Amino acid sequence: MKAELIIPIETLRGALKRDGYYFRIYKGQQIVQRCPKKWTDTPARKAAREKFIATYGQKKANRA
């Protein structure tokens, strides 16, 4: 979301409070964004990660 700030404050960067939003500058525009959330480890994610490790977690010489 684009934000229009009042005159004494030209730009903001970073998070002001722990409310889940932070401010940044993008192409000269002041932007307000939601902070990224840390993902939770579900059984499906864990299974996909284990499958990835089994497939690609070896050195190139050992894969054949």
PDB file of N, CA and C in Angstrom:
ATOM      1  N   MET A   1       0.845  -1.154   0.000  1.00  0.00           N
ATOM      2  CA  MET A   1       0.000   0.000   0.000  1.00  0.00           C
ATOM      3  C   MET A   1       0.904   1.234   0.000  1.00  0.00           C
ATOM      4  N   LYS A   2       0.570   2.207  -0.821  1.00  0.00           N
ATOM      5  CA  LYS A   2       1.322   3.452  -0.834  1.00  0.00           C
ATOM      6  C   LYS A   2       0.873   4.307   0.336  1.00  0.00           C
ATOM      7  N   ALA A   3       1.823   4.992   0.951  1.00  0.00           N
ATOM      8  CA  ALA A   3       1.502   5.824   2.114  1.00  0.00           C
ATOM      9  C   ALA A   3       1.914   7.263   1.834  1.00  0.00           C
ATOM     10  N   GLU A   4       1.072   8.206   2.190  1.00  0.00           N
ATOM     11  CA  GLU A   4       1.382   9.627   2.067  1.00  0.00           C
ATOM     12  C   GLU A   4       1.647  10.143   3.474  1.00  0.00           C
ATOM     13  N   LEU A   5       2.871  10.623   3.697  1.00  0.00           N
ATOM     14  CA  LEU A   5       3.258  11.067   5.024  1.00  0.00           C
ATOM     15  C   LEU A   5       3.055  12.567   5.175  1.00  0.00           C
ATOM     16  N   ILE A   6       2.947  13.020   6.410  1.00  0.00           N
ATOM     17  CA  ILE A   6       2.794  14.444   6.674  1.00  0.00           C
ATOM     18  C   ILE A   6       4.131  15.146   6.500  1.00  0.00           C
ATOM     19  N   ILE A   7       4.116  16.447   6.385  1.00  0.00           N
ATOM     20  CA  ILE A   7       5.292  17.253   6.029  1.00  0.00           C
ATOM     21  C   ILE A   7       6.500  17.041   6.959  1.00  0.00           C
ATOM     22  N   PRO A   8       6.391  17.060   8.281  1.00  0.00           N
ATOM     23  CA  PRO A   8       7.615  16.937   9.089  1.00  0.00           C
ATOM     24  C   PRO A   8       8.338  15.599   8.919  1.00  0.00           C
ATOM     25  N   ILE A   9       7.609  14.566   8.525  1.00  0.00           N
ATOM     26  CA  ILE A   9       8.218  13.247   8.345  1.00  0.00           C
ATOM     27  C   ILE A   9       8.246  12.969   6.848  1.00  0.00           C
ATOM     28  N   GLU A  10       9.433  12.997   6.267  1.00  0.00           N
ATOM     29  CA  GLU A  10       9.527  12.758   4.828  1.00  0.00           C
ATOM     30  C   GLU A  10       9.488  11.272   4.493  1.00  0.00           C
ATOM     31  N   THR A  11      10.294  10.486   5.208  1.00  0.00           N
ATOM     32  CA  THR A  11      10.337   9.055   4.908  1.00  0.00           C
ATOM     33  C   THR A  11      10.427   8.249   6.201  1.00  0.00           C
ATOM     34  N   LEU A  12       9.947   7.036   6.121  1.00  0.00           N
ATOM     35  CA  LEU A  12      10.070   6.071   7.216  1.00  0.00           C
ATOM     36  C   LEU A  12      10.700   4.809   6.646  1.00  0.00           C
ATOM     37  N   ARG A  13      11.512   4.143   7.457  1.00  0.00           N
ATOM     38  CA  ARG A  13      12.093   2.860   7.071  1.00  0.00           C
ATOM     39  C   ARG A  13      12.062   1.934   8.276  1.00  0.00           C
ATOM     40  N   GLY A  14      11.665   0.717   8.032  1.00  0.00           N
ATOM     41  CA  GLY A  14      11.642  -0.274   9.098  1.00  0.00           C
ATOM     42  C   GLY A  14      10.293  -0.333   9.796  1.00  0.00           C
ATOM     43  N   ALA A  15      10.238  -1.084  10.887  1.00  0.00           N
ATOM     44  CA  ALA A  15       9.010  -1.274  11.654  1.00  0.00           C
ATOM     45  C   ALA A  15       8.952  -0.267  12.800  1.00  0.00           C
ATOM     46  N   LEU A  16       7.791   0.307  13.017  1.00  0.00           N
ATOM     47  CA  LEU A  16       7.625   1.241  14.126  1.00  0.00           C
ATOM     48  C   LEU A  16       7.242   0.515  15.408  1.00  0.00           C
ATOM     49  N   LYS A  17       6.273  -0.368  15.292  1.00  0.00           N
ATOM     50  CA  LYS A  17       5.813  -1.157  16.432  1.00  0.00           C
ATOM     51  C   LYS A  17       5.813  -2.621  16.023  1.00  0.00           C
ATOM     52  N   ARG A  18       5.463  -3.468  16.926  1.00  0.00           N
ATOM     53  CA  ARG A  18       5.362  -4.896  16.614  1.00  0.00           C
ATOM     54  C   ARG A  18       3.943  -5.229  16.151  1.00  0.00           C
ATOM     55  N   ASP A  19       3.403  -4.418  15.244  1.00  0.00           N
ATOM     56  CA  ASP A  19       2.037  -4.629  14.773  1.00  0.00           C
ATOM     57  C   ASP A  19       1.967  -5.432  13.475  1.00  0.00           C
ATOM     58  N   GLY A  20       3.130  -5.852  12.941  1.00  0.00           N
ATOM     59  CA  GLY A  20       3.125  -6.691  11.754  1.00  0.00           C
ATOM     60  C   GLY A  20       3.292  -5.931  10.454  1.00  0.00           C
ATOM     61  N   TYR A  21       3.620  -4.631  10.485  1.00  0.00           N
ATOM     62  CA  TYR A  21       3.824  -3.840   9.280  1.00  0.00           C
ATOM     63  C   TYR A  21       5.168  -3.138   9.336  1.00  0.00           C
ATOM     64  N   TYR A  22       5.759  -2.895   8.159  1.00  0.00           N
ATOM     65  CA  TYR A  22       6.990  -2.134   8.097  1.00  0.00           C
ATOM     66  C   TYR A  22       6.930  -1.163   6.911  1.00  0.00           C
ATOM     67  N   PHE A  23       7.768  -0.151   6.954  1.00  0.00           N
ATOM     68  CA  PHE A  23       7.794   0.904   5.948  1.00  0.00           C
ATOM     69  C   PHE A  23       9.076   0.798   5.138  1.00  0.00           C
ATOM     70  N   ARG A  24       8.980   1.121   3.845  1.00  0.00           N
ATOM     71  CA  ARG A  24      10.148   1.146   2.987  1.00  0.00           C
ATOM     72  C   ARG A  24       9.913   2.100   1.825  1.00  0.00           C
ATOM     73  N   ILE A  25      10.986   2.423   1.108  1.00  0.00           N
ATOM     74  CA  ILE A  25      10.926   3.281  -0.061  1.00  0.00           C
ATOM     75  C   ILE A  25      11.131   2.402  -1.295  1.00  0.00           C
ATOM     76  N   TYR A  26      10.259   2.514  -2.289  1.00  0.00           N
ATOM     77  CA  TYR A  26      10.391   1.770  -3.533  1.00  0.00           C
ATOM     78  C   TYR A  26      10.115   2.715  -4.693  1.00  0.00           C
ATOM     79  N   LYS A  27      11.132   2.945  -5.515  1.00  0.00           N
ATOM     80  CA  LYS A  27      11.039   3.838  -6.671  1.00  0.00           C
ATOM     81  C   LYS A  27      10.507   5.212  -6.282  1.00  0.00           C
ATOM     82  N   GLY A  28      10.985   5.736  -5.162  1.00  0.00           N
ATOM     83  CA  GLY A  28      10.591   7.062  -4.713  1.00  0.00           C
ATOM     84  C   GLY A  28       9.248   7.125  -4.013  1.00  0.00           C
ATOM     85  N   GLN A  29       8.568   6.021  -3.861  1.00  0.00           N
ATOM     86  CA  GLN A  29       7.271   5.969  -3.196  1.00  0.00           C
ATOM     87  C   GLN A  29       7.429   5.351  -1.808  1.00  0.00           C
ATOM     88  N   GLN A  30       6.701   5.871  -0.860  1.00  0.00           N
ATOM     89  CA  GLN A  30       6.681   5.296   0.485  1.00  0.00           C
ATOM     90  C   GLN A  30       5.701   4.126   0.478  1.00  0.00           C
ATOM     91  N   ILE A  31       6.163   2.951   0.874  1.00  0.00           N
ATOM     92  CA  ILE A  31       5.358   1.731   0.842  1.00  0.00           C
ATOM     93  C   ILE A  31       5.211   1.180   2.262  1.00  0.00           C
ATOM     94  N   VAL A  32       3.998   0.726   2.587  1.00  0.00           N
ATOM     95  CA  VAL A  32       3.734   0.033   3.851  1.00  0.00           C
ATOM     96  C   VAL A  32       3.425  -1.416   3.501  1.00  0.00           C
ATOM     97  N   GLN A  33       4.155  -2.356   4.121  1.00  0.00           N
ATOM     98  CA  GLN A  33       3.953  -3.773   3.837  1.00  0.00           C
ATOM     99  C   GLN A  33       3.794  -4.571   5.115  1.00  0.00           C
ATOM    100  N   ARG A  34       3.110  -5.680   4.979  1.00  0.00           N
ATOM    101  CA  ARG A  34       2.971  -6.609   6.098  1.00  0.00           C
ATOM    102  C   ARG A  34       4.276  -7.375   6.260  1.00  0.00           C
ATOM    103  N   CYS A  35       4.718  -7.568   7.481  1.00  0.00           N
ATOM    104  CA  CYS A  35       5.933  -8.328   7.751  1.00  0.00           C
ATOM    105  C   CYS A  35       5.702  -9.799   7.396  1.00  0.00           C
ATOM    106  N   PRO A  36       6.712 -10.467   6.854  1.00  0.00           N
ATOM    107  CA  PRO A  36       6.545 -11.878   6.528  1.00  0.00           C
ATOM    108  C   PRO A  36       6.392 -12.719   7.797  1.00  0.00           C
ATOM    109  N   LYS A  37       5.555 -13.728   7.709  1.00  0.00           N
ATOM    110  CA  LYS A  37       5.354 -14.634   8.837  1.00  0.00           C
ATOM    111  C   LYS A  37       6.267 -15.837   8.679  1.00  0.00           C
ATOM    112  N   LYS A  38       6.698 -16.377   9.784  1.00  0.00           N
ATOM    113  CA  LYS A  38       7.497 -17.582   9.758  1.00  0.00           C
ATOM    114  C   LYS A  38       6.560 -18.765   9.532  1.00  0.00           C
ATOM    115  N   TRP A  39       6.908 -19.640   8.596  1.00  0.00           N
ATOM    116  CA  TRP A  39       6.030 -20.750   8.291  1.00  0.00           C
ATOM    117  C   TRP A  39       6.097 -21.802   9.380  1.00  0.00           C
ATOM    118  N   THR A  40       5.033 -22.563   9.502  1.00  0.00           N
ATOM    119  CA  THR A  40       4.977 -23.642  10.477  1.00  0.00           C
ATOM    120  C   THR A  40       5.331 -24.954   9.771  1.00  0.00           C
ATOM    121  N   ASP A  41       5.926 -25.846  10.495  1.00  0.00           N
ATOM    122  CA  ASP A  41       6.365 -27.117   9.929  1.00  0.00           C
ATOM    123  C   ASP A  41       5.233 -28.129  10.009  1.00  0.00           C
ATOM    124  N   THR A  42       4.561 -28.358   8.886  1.00  0.00           N
ATOM    125  CA  THR A  42       3.474 -29.330   8.823  1.00  0.00           C
ATOM    126  C   THR A  42       4.037 -30.683   8.371  1.00  0.00           C
ATOM    127  N   PRO A  43       3.303 -31.756   8.566  1.00  0.00           N
ATOM    128  CA  PRO A  43       3.774 -33.068   8.101  1.00  0.00           C
ATOM    129  C   PRO A  43       4.016 -33.106   6.587  1.00  0.00           C
ATOM    130  N   ALA A  44       3.189 -32.403   5.816  1.00  0.00           N
ATOM    131  CA  ALA A  44       3.368 -32.385   4.363  1.00  0.00           C
ATOM    132  C   ALA A  44       4.671 -31.677   3.984  1.00  0.00           C
ATOM    133  N   ARG A  45       4.973 -30.557   4.646  1.00  0.00           N
ATOM    134  CA  ARG A  45       6.228 -29.850   4.369  1.00  0.00           C
ATOM    135  C   ARG A  45       7.433 -30.710   4.745  1.00  0.00           C
ATOM    136  N   LYS A  46       7.330 -31.381   5.882  1.00  0.00           N
ATOM    137  CA  LYS A  46       8.432 -32.220   6.330  1.00  0.00           C
ATOM    138  C   LYS A  46       8.664 -33.366   5.351  1.00  0.00           C
ATOM    139  N   ALA A  47       7.582 -33.980   4.854  1.00  0.00           N
ATOM    140  CA  ALA A  47       7.717 -35.070   3.885  1.00  0.00           C
ATOM    141  C   ALA A  47       8.340 -34.566   2.584  1.00  0.00           C
ATOM    142  N   ALA A  48       7.931 -33.388   2.127  1.00  0.00           N
ATOM    143  CA  ALA A  48       8.492 -32.819   0.896  1.00  0.00           C
ATOM    144  C   ALA A  48       9.970 -32.502   1.070  1.00  0.00           C
ATOM    145  N   ARG A  49      10.339 -31.992   2.244  1.00  0.00           N
ATOM    146  CA  ARG A  49      11.741 -31.679   2.514  1.00  0.00           C
ATOM    147  C   ARG A  49      12.582 -32.957   2.543  1.00  0.00           C
ATOM    148  N   GLU A  50      12.074 -34.009   3.165  1.00  0.00           N
ATOM    149  CA  GLU A  50      12.786 -35.286   3.212  1.00  0.00           C
ATOM    150  C   GLU A  50      12.948 -35.876   1.802  1.00  0.00           C
ATOM    151  N   LYS A  51      11.907 -35.761   0.969  1.00  0.00           N
ATOM    152  CA  LYS A  51      11.978 -36.256  -0.402  1.00  0.00           C
ATOM    153  C   LYS A  51      13.022 -35.471  -1.197  1.00  0.00           C
ATOM    154  N   PHE A  52      13.059 -34.142  -1.003  1.00  0.00           N
ATOM    155  CA  PHE A  52      14.044 -33.300  -1.684  1.00  0.00           C
ATOM    156  C   PHE A  52      15.460 -33.695  -1.272  1.00  0.00           C
ATOM    157  N   ILE A  53      15.674 -33.918   0.025  1.00  0.00           N
ATOM    158  CA  ILE A  53      16.996 -34.294   0.530  1.00  0.00           C
ATOM    159  C   ILE A  53      17.415 -35.641  -0.045  1.00  0.00           C
ATOM    160  N   ALA A  54      16.473 -36.588  -0.104  1.00  0.00           N
ATOM    161  CA  ALA A  54      16.797 -37.906  -0.644  1.00  0.00           C
ATOM    162  C   ALA A  54      17.154 -37.835  -2.127  1.00  0.00           C
ATOM    163  N   THR A  55      16.510 -36.941  -2.856  1.00  0.00           N
ATOM    164  CA  THR A  55      16.745 -36.830  -4.300  1.00  0.00           C
ATOM    165  C   THR A  55      17.979 -36.003  -4.618  1.00  0.00           C
ATOM    166  N   TYR A  56      18.098 -34.813  -4.010  1.00  0.00           N
ATOM    167  CA  TYR A  56      19.118 -33.856  -4.401  1.00  0.00           C
ATOM    168  C   TYR A  56      20.178 -33.607  -3.335  1.00  0.00           C
ATOM    169  N   GLY A  57      20.127 -34.285  -2.213  1.00  0.00           N
ATOM    170  CA  GLY A  57      21.037 -34.007  -1.122  1.00  0.00           C
ATOM    171  C   GLY A  57      22.369 -34.719  -1.206  1.00  0.00           C
ATOM    172  N   GLN A  58      22.724 -35.231  -2.363  1.00  0.00           N
ATOM    173  CA  GLN A  58      23.985 -35.937  -2.532  1.00  0.00           C
ATOM    174  C   GLN A  58      24.898 -35.143  -3.454  1.00  0.00           C
ATOM    175  N   LYS A  59      26.177 -35.452  -3.429  1.00  0.00           N
ATOM    176  CA  LYS A  59      27.113 -34.807  -4.340  1.00  0.00           C
ATOM    177  C   LYS A  59      26.833 -35.302  -5.761  1.00  0.00           C
ATOM    178  N   LYS A  60      27.202 -34.511  -6.730  1.00  0.00           N
ATOM    179  CA  LYS A  60      26.936 -34.842  -8.139  1.00  0.00           C
ATOM    180  C   LYS A  60      27.587 -36.176  -8.542  1.00  0.00           C
ATOM    181  N   ALA A  61      28.773 -36.468  -8.033  1.00  0.00           N
ATOM    182  CA  ALA A  61      29.472 -37.685  -8.412  1.00  0.00           C
ATOM    183  C   ALA A  61      28.729 -38.936  -7.912  1.00  0.00           C
ATOM    184  N   ASN A  62      28.010 -38.811  -6.793  1.00  0.00           N
ATOM    185  CA  ASN A  62      27.307 -39.960  -6.211  1.00  0.00           C
ATOM    186  C   ASN A  62      25.950 -40.191  -6.846  1.00  0.00           C
ATOM    187  N   ARG A  63      25.379 -39.167  -7.505  1.00  0.00           N
ATOM    188  CA  ARG A  63      24.071 -39.324  -8.164  1.00  0.00           C
ATOM    189  C   ARG A  63      24.262 -40.033  -9.500  1.00  0.00           C
ATOM    190  N   ALA A  64      23.559 -41.071  -9.714  1.00  0.00           N
ATOM    191  CA  ALA A  64      23.688 -41.711 -11.033  1.00  0.00           C
ATOM    192  C   ALA A  64      22.468 -42.497 -11.383  1.00  0.00           C
TER     193      ALA A  64
END
